[in-house]
Amino acid sequence: MLTHPSRCRRNTAQARQLAMYLIHVSLGRSLTEVGRVFGRDRTTVSYACALIEDGRDDARFDAAVDQLERQIEASLLQGDEGTGHGAG
């Protein structure tokens, strides 16, 4: 569970860190907002984002994160087109 209040398995923690990063970076939410969603402090979100940024030094990981960012962007654009609120 990504929003579970306690520490958990490494894979789950890494998935949560990536989710925090994507929400903060791709969706532009503040560290405080992201922390609220996950039941964490903003400093924990900041730490998670830093870990993901450090991990992006690995080309394979960077490519995977980049693809997730593109998918989020595409979903947002589709949502804008569907509501008539697109940029034009």
Protein backbone atom coordinates (compact mmCIF):
# COMPACT_ATOMS: atom_id res chain seq x y z
CA MET A 1 0.00 0.00 0.00
CA LEU A 2 1.59 3.23 -1.13
CA THR A 3 -0.22 5.34 1.46
CA HIS A 4 0.35 2.96 4.40
CA PRO A 5 1.58 5.00 7.38
CA SER A 6 4.38 2.64 8.41
CA ARG A 7 7.59 1.65 6.74
CA CYS A 8 7.30 -1.39 4.55
CA ARG A 9 9.13 -3.51 2.03
CA ARG A 10 11.80 -1.87 -0.07
CA ASN A 11 9.92 -2.29 -3.37
CA THR A 12 6.82 -0.67 -1.90
CA ALA A 13 8.85 2.19 -0.48
CA GLN A 14 10.54 2.76 -3.83
CA ALA A 15 7.20 2.73 -5.64
CA ARG A 16 5.85 5.27 -3.14
CA GLN A 17 8.92 7.48 -3.63
CA LEU A 18 8.47 7.37 -7.39
CA ALA A 19 4.77 8.18 -7.07
CA MET A 20 5.59 11.15 -4.82
CA TYR A 21 8.17 12.36 -7.31
CA LEU A 22 5.80 12.08 -10.27
CA ILE A 23 2.99 13.88 -8.48
CA HIS A 24 5.32 16.66 -7.43
CA VAL A 25 7.21 17.05 -10.72
CA SER A 26 4.69 16.04 -13.38
CA LEU A 27 1.55 17.35 -11.74
CA GLY A 28 3.17 20.35 -10.08
CA ARG A 29 1.81 19.66 -6.62
CA SER A 30 3.62 21.12 -3.64
CA LEU A 31 5.65 18.94 -1.31
CA THR A 32 3.07 19.61 1.40
CA GLU A 33 0.18 18.52 -0.84
CA VAL A 34 1.98 15.34 -1.85
CA GLY A 35 2.85 14.60 1.76
CA ARG A 36 -0.78 15.01 2.77
CA VAL A 37 -1.88 12.45 0.13
CA PHE A 38 0.64 9.88 1.36
CA GLY A 39 0.39 10.66 5.06
CA ARG A 40 3.97 11.90 5.13
CA ASP A 41 5.77 15.11 6.03
CA ARG A 42 6.90 17.46 3.24
CA THR A 43 10.52 16.77 4.18
CA THR A 44 9.92 13.07 3.53
CA VAL A 45 8.54 13.93 0.09
CA SER A 46 11.57 16.14 -0.57
CA TYR A 47 13.86 13.27 0.40
CA ALA A 48 11.94 10.88 -1.87
CA CYS A 49 12.24 13.30 -4.79
CA ALA A 50 15.97 13.64 -4.19
CA LEU A 51 16.37 9.86 -4.21
CA ILE A 52 14.55 9.59 -7.52
CA GLU A 53 16.63 12.43 -9.00
CA ASP A 54 19.79 10.65 -7.89
CA GLY A 55 18.52 7.42 -9.42
CA ARG A 56 18.07 9.15 -12.75
CA ASP A 57 21.84 9.00 -13.18
CA ASP A 58 21.18 5.39 -14.27
CA ALA A 59 20.19 5.51 -17.95
CA ARG A 60 17.66 2.66 -17.73
CA PHE A 61 15.93 4.12 -14.69
CA ASP A 62 15.94 7.58 -16.26
CA ALA A 63 14.32 6.21 -19.42
CA ALA A 64 11.62 4.46 -17.38
CA VAL A 65 10.85 7.61 -15.39
CA ASP A 66 10.86 9.68 -18.57
CA GLN A 67 8.32 7.32 -20.11
CA LEU A 68 6.08 7.60 -17.05
CA GLU A 69 6.31 11.40 -17.24
CA ARG A 70 5.31 11.30 -20.92
CA GLN A 71 2.36 9.03 -20.15
CA ILE A 72 1.16 11.39 -17.45
CA GLU A 73 1.53 14.36 -19.79
CA ALA A 74 -0.39 12.55 -22.53
CA SER A 75 -3.16 11.66 -20.10
CA LEU A 76 -3.39 15.26 -18.96
CA LEU A 77 -3.56 16.49 -22.55
CA GLN A 78 -6.29 13.98 -23.37
CA GLY A 79 -8.22 15.13 -20.32
CA ASP A 80 -7.91 18.78 -21.39
CA GLU A 81 -9.13 17.97 -24.91
CA GLY A 82 -12.07 16.05 -23.51
CA THR A 83 -13.20 18.99 -21.34
CA GLY A 84 -12.58 21.74 -23.85
CA HIS A 85 -9.96 23.29 -21.57
CA GLY A 86 -6.96 22.56 -23.78
CA ALA A 87 -4.27 25.14 -24.43
CA GLY A 88 -5.34 25.52 -27.96
